[in-house]
């Protein structure tokens, strides 16, 4: 009898361990926490939840593809806990080059001015001077080290894609890693003084 109870407890512990590892793997790959994954299955527009368990460990860096035909391999920090508004690390004026693998005009400059805001609000103005287009970014989701927004163009719709999802991730050195459409366009943004 005692042996059967020990075996049952061992099986339960193994199942719990597998589920915890699977949850961690899904979170690392998608940049989303388990509550966010559950919320996304019930509501496509659910507001992000606050981080439940604070950690004292340093954030890890994510491995991402090199930028365009350069030798630059960015190292953005992992997303971290969900936030209800744009973290302070993103506020300010930014400039950089976007490398887009299917554009003959790549690389092209991007200028960005990010402010405060919560999901559903316009949090930034953006301009692509050489492409002659620009508009606003509407915040979808925010984490400690990452934001996801929808770019809505107000001018130049004939020369740029409209309603594109763009993600910014904090680099260990404080710069921002810019990515849209599953690495279709990538770049590094530097804060302007």
C-alpha atoms as a PDB file:
ATOM      1  CA  UNK A   1       0.000   0.000   0.000  1.00  0.00           C
ATOM      2  CA  UNK A   2       2.760   2.440   1.000  1.00  0.00           C
ATOM      3  CA  UNK A   3       4.692   1.601  -2.179  1.00  0.00           C
ATOM      4  CA  UNK A   4       1.632   2.393  -4.334  1.00  0.00           C
ATOM      5  CA  UNK A   5       1.225   5.797  -2.646  1.00  0.00           C
ATOM      6  CA  UNK A   6       4.903   6.635  -3.219  1.00  0.00           C
ATOM      7  CA  UNK A   7       4.600   5.626  -6.887  1.00  0.00           C
ATOM      8  CA  UNK A   8       1.465   7.750  -7.330  1.00  0.00           C
ATOM      9  CA  UNK A   9       3.150  10.776  -5.734  1.00  0.00           C
ATOM     10  CA  UNK A  10       6.193  10.286  -7.984  1.00  0.00           C
ATOM     11  CA  UNK A  11       3.973  10.252 -11.096  1.00  0.00           C
ATOM     12  CA  UNK A  12       2.109  13.379  -9.985  1.00  0.00           C
ATOM     13  CA  UNK A  13       5.386  15.205  -9.282  1.00  0.00           C
ATOM     14  CA  UNK A  14       6.702  14.237 -12.723  1.00  0.00           C
ATOM     15  CA  UNK A  15       3.533  15.535 -14.439  1.00  0.00           C
ATOM     16  CA  UNK A  16       3.716  18.823 -12.515  1.00  0.00           C
ATOM     17  CA  UNK A  17       7.401  19.172 -13.476  1.00  0.00           C
ATOM     18  CA  UNK A  18       6.646  18.576 -17.167  1.00  0.00           C
ATOM     19  CA  UNK A  19       3.822  21.148 -17.106  1.00  0.00           C
ATOM     20  CA  UNK A  20       6.054  23.733 -15.394  1.00  0.00           C
ATOM     21  CA  UNK A  21       8.809  23.204 -17.965  1.00  0.00           C
ATOM     22  CA  UNK A  22       6.312  23.426 -20.825  1.00  0.00           C
ATOM     23  CA  UNK A  23       4.876  26.661 -19.424  1.00  0.00           C
ATOM     24  CA  UNK A  24       8.370  28.142 -19.070  1.00  0.00           C
ATOM     25  CA  UNK A  25       9.268  27.122 -22.630  1.00  0.00           C
ATOM     26  CA  UNK A  26       6.074  28.621 -24.087  1.00  0.00           C
ATOM     27  CA  UNK A  27       6.654  31.828 -22.099  1.00  0.00           C
ATOM     28  CA  UNK A  28      10.267  32.103 -23.287  1.00  0.00           C
ATOM     29  CA  UNK A  29       9.358  31.530 -26.955  1.00  0.00           C
ATOM     30  CA  UNK A  30       6.271  33.775 -27.041  1.00  0.00           C
ATOM     31  CA  UNK A  31       7.305  36.368 -24.454  1.00  0.00           C
ATOM     32  CA  UNK A  32       3.968  35.873 -22.707  1.00  0.00           C
ATOM     33  CA  UNK A  33       3.125  34.692 -19.200  1.00  0.00           C
ATOM     34  CA  UNK A  34       0.689  31.882 -18.485  1.00  0.00           C
ATOM     35  CA  UNK A  35      -2.100  34.320 -17.432  1.00  0.00           C
ATOM     36  CA  UNK A  36      -1.631  36.187 -20.736  1.00  0.00           C
ATOM     37  CA  UNK A  37      -1.805  32.943 -22.710  1.00  0.00           C
ATOM     38  CA  UNK A  38      -5.020  31.958 -20.922  1.00  0.00           C
ATOM     39  CA  UNK A  39      -6.488  35.463 -21.367  1.00  0.00           C
ATOM     40  CA  UNK A  40      -5.659  35.451 -25.089  1.00  0.00           C
ATOM     41  CA  UNK A  41      -7.745  32.301 -25.574  1.00  0.00           C
ATOM     42  CA  UNK A  42     -10.769  33.883 -23.924  1.00  0.00           C
ATOM     43  CA  UNK A  43     -10.489  37.430 -25.254  1.00  0.00           C
ATOM     44  CA  UNK A  44      -8.392  38.797 -28.075  1.00  0.00           C
ATOM     45  CA  UNK A  45      -8.510  42.254 -26.493  1.00  0.00           C
ATOM     46  CA  UNK A  46      -7.887  41.382 -22.840  1.00  0.00           C
ATOM     47  CA  UNK A  47      -5.897  43.957 -20.887  1.00  0.00           C
ATOM     48  CA  UNK A  48      -2.543  42.750 -19.614  1.00  0.00           C
ATOM     49  CA  UNK A  49      -2.423  41.646 -16.010  1.00  0.00           C
ATOM     50  CA  UNK A  50       0.086  42.987 -13.520  1.00  0.00           C
ATOM     51  CA  UNK A  51       3.082  40.826 -12.696  1.00  0.00           C
ATOM     52  CA  UNK A  52       2.083  38.393  -9.965  1.00  0.00           C
ATOM     53  CA  UNK A  53       5.438  37.105  -8.736  1.00  0.00           C
ATOM     54  CA  UNK A  54       8.263  39.648  -8.521  1.00  0.00           C
ATOM     55  CA  UNK A  55      11.731  38.193  -9.009  1.00  0.00           C
ATOM     56  CA  UNK A  56      15.093  39.470  -7.895  1.00  0.00           C
ATOM     57  CA  UNK A  57      17.086  37.785 -10.666  1.00  0.00           C
ATOM     58  CA  UNK A  58      18.586  39.766 -13.518  1.00  0.00           C
ATOM     59  CA  UNK A  59      16.638  39.604 -16.805  1.00  0.00           C
ATOM     60  CA  UNK A  60      18.058  37.217 -19.394  1.00  0.00           C
ATOM     61  CA  UNK A  61      18.767  38.197 -22.973  1.00  0.00           C
ATOM     62  CA  UNK A  62      16.983  36.668 -25.937  1.00  0.00           C
ATOM     63  CA  UNK A  63      18.727  35.291 -29.012  1.00  0.00           C
ATOM     64  CA  UNK A  64      17.401  36.859 -32.217  1.00  0.00           C
ATOM     65  CA  UNK A  65      18.566  36.814 -35.858  1.00  0.00           C
ATOM     66  CA  UNK A  66      21.272  39.236 -37.049  1.00  0.00           C
ATOM     67  CA  UNK A  67      20.066  42.555 -38.443  1.00  0.00           C
ATOM     68  CA  UNK A  68      19.770  42.551 -42.228  1.00  0.00           C
ATOM     69  CA  UNK A  69      23.032  42.018 -44.035  1.00  0.00           C
ATOM     70  CA  UNK A  70      25.002  43.534 -41.132  1.00  0.00           C
ATOM     71  CA  UNK A  71      26.977  41.619 -38.540  1.00  0.00           C
ATOM     72  CA  UNK A  72      24.875  43.173 -35.778  1.00  0.00           C
ATOM     73  CA  UNK A  73      23.258  40.528 -33.569  1.00  0.00           C
ATOM     74  CA  UNK A  74      21.030  42.250 -31.010  1.00  0.00           C
ATOM     75  CA  UNK A  75      20.460  40.909 -27.504  1.00  0.00           C
ATOM     76  CA  UNK A  76      17.110  42.206 -26.238  1.00  0.00           C
ATOM     77  CA  UNK A  77      16.165  41.478 -22.644  1.00  0.00           C
ATOM     78  CA  UNK A  78      13.402  38.957 -21.977  1.00  0.00           C
ATOM     79  CA  UNK A  79       9.961  40.660 -21.775  1.00  0.00           C
ATOM     80  CA  UNK A  80       9.574  40.421 -17.993  1.00  0.00           C
ATOM     81  CA  UNK A  81       6.333  40.964 -16.127  1.00  0.00           C
ATOM     82  CA  UNK A  82       3.202  42.422 -17.698  1.00  0.00           C
ATOM     83  CA  UNK A  83       2.627  46.149 -17.172  1.00  0.00           C
ATOM     84  CA  UNK A  84      -0.516  48.281 -17.365  1.00  0.00           C
ATOM     85  CA  UNK A  85       1.247  51.141 -19.199  1.00  0.00           C
ATOM     86  CA  UNK A  86       4.361  51.969 -21.200  1.00  0.00           C
ATOM     87  CA  UNK A  87       7.434  51.502 -18.954  1.00  0.00           C
ATOM     88  CA  UNK A  88       9.657  54.542 -18.418  1.00  0.00           C
ATOM     89  CA  UNK A  89      12.575  52.863 -20.259  1.00  0.00           C
ATOM     90  CA  UNK A  90      10.704  53.423 -23.563  1.00  0.00           C
ATOM     91  CA  UNK A  91       9.766  57.094 -23.045  1.00  0.00           C
ATOM     92  CA  UNK A  92      11.615  59.615 -25.186  1.00  0.00           C
ATOM     93  CA  UNK A  93      12.807  60.342 -28.712  1.00  0.00           C
ATOM     94  CA  UNK A  94      14.498  57.519 -30.646  1.00  0.00           C
ATOM     95  CA  UNK A  95      16.292  57.181 -33.975  1.00  0.00           C
ATOM     96  CA  UNK A  96      17.650  54.231 -35.937  1.00  0.00           C
ATOM     97  CA  UNK A  97      17.758  52.291 -39.195  1.00  0.00           C
ATOM     98  CA  UNK A  98      15.292  49.575 -40.197  1.00  0.00           C
ATOM     99  CA  UNK A  99      16.545  46.704 -42.329  1.00  0.00           C
ATOM    100  CA  UNK A 100      13.694  45.154 -44.292  1.00  0.00           C
ATOM    101  CA  UNK A 101      14.556  42.039 -46.279  1.00  0.00           C
ATOM    102  CA  UNK A 102      11.966  42.614 -49.027  1.00  0.00           C
ATOM    103  CA  UNK A 103      12.522  46.352 -49.603  1.00  0.00           C
ATOM    104  CA  UNK A 104      14.832  47.917 -52.167  1.00  0.00           C
ATOM    105  CA  UNK A 105      14.857  51.065 -49.965  1.00  0.00           C
ATOM    106  CA  UNK A 106      16.388  49.230 -46.995  1.00  0.00           C
ATOM    107  CA  UNK A 107      17.883  50.307 -44.702  1.00  0.00           C
ATOM    108  CA  UNK A 108      15.704  53.324 -44.013  1.00  0.00           C
ATOM    109  CA  UNK A 109      15.659  55.723 -41.046  1.00  0.00           C
ATOM    110  CA  UNK A 110      12.929  55.733 -38.429  1.00  0.00           C
ATOM    111  CA  UNK A 111      12.236  58.517 -35.932  1.00  0.00           C
ATOM    112  CA  UNK A 112      10.044  57.771 -32.956  1.00  0.00           C
ATOM    113  CA  UNK A 113       8.692  59.765 -30.007  1.00  0.00           C
ATOM    114  CA  UNK A 114       7.240  57.528 -27.272  1.00  0.00           C
ATOM    115  CA  UNK A 115       5.198  58.771 -24.335  1.00  0.00           C
ATOM    116  CA  UNK A 116       2.938  57.402 -21.619  1.00  0.00           C
ATOM    117  CA  UNK A 117      -0.207  55.395 -22.272  1.00  0.00           C
ATOM    118  CA  UNK A 118      -2.196  52.272 -21.583  1.00  0.00           C
ATOM    119  CA  UNK A 119      -3.389  49.549 -23.989  1.00  0.00           C
ATOM    120  CA  UNK A 120      -5.690  51.013 -26.635  1.00  0.00           C
ATOM    121  CA  UNK A 121      -4.112  54.495 -26.479  1.00  0.00           C
ATOM    122  CA  UNK A 122      -1.805  56.161 -28.971  1.00  0.00           C
ATOM    123  CA  UNK A 123       1.588  56.177 -27.264  1.00  0.00           C
ATOM    124  CA  UNK A 124       3.978  57.295 -30.005  1.00  0.00           C
ATOM    125  CA  UNK A 125       4.403  59.252 -33.194  1.00  0.00           C
ATOM    126  CA  UNK A 126       6.584  57.692 -35.893  1.00  0.00           C
ATOM    127  CA  UNK A 127       8.091  58.919 -39.137  1.00  0.00           C
ATOM    128  CA  UNK A 128       9.995  57.214 -41.953  1.00  0.00           C
ATOM    129  CA  UNK A 129      11.484  60.247 -43.711  1.00  0.00           C
ATOM    130  CA  UNK A 130      12.903  58.521 -46.822  1.00  0.00           C
ATOM    131  CA  UNK A 131       9.717  56.472 -47.285  1.00  0.00           C
ATOM    132  CA  UNK A 132       7.576  59.602 -46.853  1.00  0.00           C
ATOM    133  CA  UNK A 133       5.177  57.986 -44.412  1.00  0.00           C
ATOM    134  CA  UNK A 134       4.368  58.090 -40.719  1.00  0.00           C
ATOM    135  CA  UNK A 135       1.650  58.036 -38.126  1.00  0.00           C
ATOM    136  CA  UNK A 136       0.959  56.819 -34.597  1.00  0.00           C
ATOM    137  CA  UNK A 137       1.524  53.700 -32.540  1.00  0.00           C
ATOM    138  CA  UNK A 138      -1.439  52.311 -30.615  1.00  0.00           C
ATOM    139  CA  UNK A 139      -0.324  50.222 -27.611  1.00  0.00           C
ATOM    140  CA  UNK A 140      -1.454  46.586 -27.581  1.00  0.00           C
ATOM    141  CA  UNK A 141       0.566  45.169 -24.661  1.00  0.00           C
ATOM    142  CA  UNK A 142       3.384  46.251 -22.360  1.00  0.00           C
ATOM    143  CA  UNK A 143       5.907  44.285 -20.302  1.00  0.00           C
ATOM    144  CA  UNK A 144       8.897  45.385 -18.196  1.00  0.00           C
ATOM    145  CA  UNK A 145      11.272  45.248 -21.187  1.00  0.00           C
ATOM    146  CA  UNK A 146       8.992  45.054 -24.241  1.00  0.00           C
ATOM    147  CA  UNK A 147       6.023  46.800 -25.843  1.00  0.00           C
ATOM    148  CA  UNK A 148       3.815  45.679 -28.732  1.00  0.00           C
ATOM    149  CA  UNK A 149       1.923  48.308 -30.754  1.00  0.00           C
ATOM    150  CA  UNK A 150      -0.075  48.700 -33.945  1.00  0.00           C
ATOM    151  CA  UNK A 151       1.313  51.262 -36.381  1.00  0.00           C
ATOM    152  CA  UNK A 152      -1.507  53.311 -37.931  1.00  0.00           C
ATOM    153  CA  UNK A 153      -0.363  55.571 -40.759  1.00  0.00           C
ATOM    154  CA  UNK A 154      -1.707  59.096 -41.089  1.00  0.00           C
ATOM    155  CA  UNK A 155       0.240  59.861 -44.299  1.00  0.00           C
ATOM    156  CA  UNK A 156       2.103  57.936 -46.988  1.00  0.00           C
ATOM    157  CA  UNK A 157      -0.170  54.884 -47.031  1.00  0.00           C
ATOM    158  CA  UNK A 158       0.822  54.215 -50.633  1.00  0.00           C
ATOM    159  CA  UNK A 159       4.491  53.792 -49.776  1.00  0.00           C
ATOM    160  CA  UNK A 160       4.316  51.951 -46.410  1.00  0.00           C
ATOM    161  CA  UNK A 161       2.357  49.123 -44.833  1.00  0.00           C
ATOM    162  CA  UNK A 162      -0.519  50.195 -42.586  1.00  0.00           C
ATOM    163  CA  UNK A 163      -1.781  48.479 -39.405  1.00  0.00           C
ATOM    164  CA  UNK A 164       1.467  46.577 -38.820  1.00  0.00           C
ATOM    165  CA  UNK A 165       2.316  45.105 -35.405  1.00  0.00           C
ATOM    166  CA  UNK A 166       5.660  46.414 -34.154  1.00  0.00           C
ATOM    167  CA  UNK A 167       7.562  45.265 -31.082  1.00  0.00           C
ATOM    168  CA  UNK A 168      10.282  47.118 -29.216  1.00  0.00           C
ATOM    169  CA  UNK A 169      12.537  45.318 -26.722  1.00  0.00           C
ATOM    170  CA  UNK A 170      15.061  46.883 -24.372  1.00  0.00           C
ATOM    171  CA  UNK A 171      18.692  45.980 -25.089  1.00  0.00           C
ATOM    172  CA  UNK A 172      21.081  45.370 -22.166  1.00  0.00           C
ATOM    173  CA  UNK A 173      22.788  48.688 -23.065  1.00  0.00           C
ATOM    174  CA  UNK A 174      19.480  50.647 -22.993  1.00  0.00           C
ATOM    175  CA  UNK A 175      18.960  50.865 -26.761  1.00  0.00           C
ATOM    176  CA  UNK A 176      15.763  49.452 -28.279  1.00  0.00           C
ATOM    177  CA  UNK A 177      15.467  46.475 -30.616  1.00  0.00           C
ATOM    178  CA  UNK A 178      12.812  47.188 -33.284  1.00  0.00           C
ATOM    179  CA  UNK A 179      11.005  44.309 -35.024  1.00  0.00           C
ATOM    180  CA  UNK A 180       7.904  44.028 -37.178  1.00  0.00           C
ATOM    181  CA  UNK A 181       6.101  41.207 -38.952  1.00  0.00           C
ATOM    182  CA  UNK A 182       8.091  38.279 -37.518  1.00  0.00           C
ATOM    183  CA  UNK A 183      11.547  39.714 -38.308  1.00  0.00           C
ATOM    184  CA  UNK A 184      10.540  41.054 -41.735  1.00  0.00           C
ATOM    185  CA  UNK A 185      11.984  44.372 -40.588  1.00  0.00           C
ATOM    186  CA  UNK A 186      14.468  44.829 -37.744  1.00  0.00           C
ATOM    187  CA  UNK A 187      16.703  47.546 -36.343  1.00  0.00           C
ATOM    188  CA  UNK A 188      18.337  49.133 -33.296  1.00  0.00           C
ATOM    189  CA  UNK A 189      17.079  52.483 -31.987  1.00  0.00           C
ATOM    190  CA  UNK A 190      19.197  54.943 -29.999  1.00  0.00           C
ATOM    191  CA  UNK A 191      17.789  57.590 -27.672  1.00  0.00           C
ATOM    192  CA  UNK A 192      18.135  61.158 -28.957  1.00  0.00           C
ATOM    193  CA  UNK A 193      19.329  63.799 -26.509  1.00  0.00           C
END
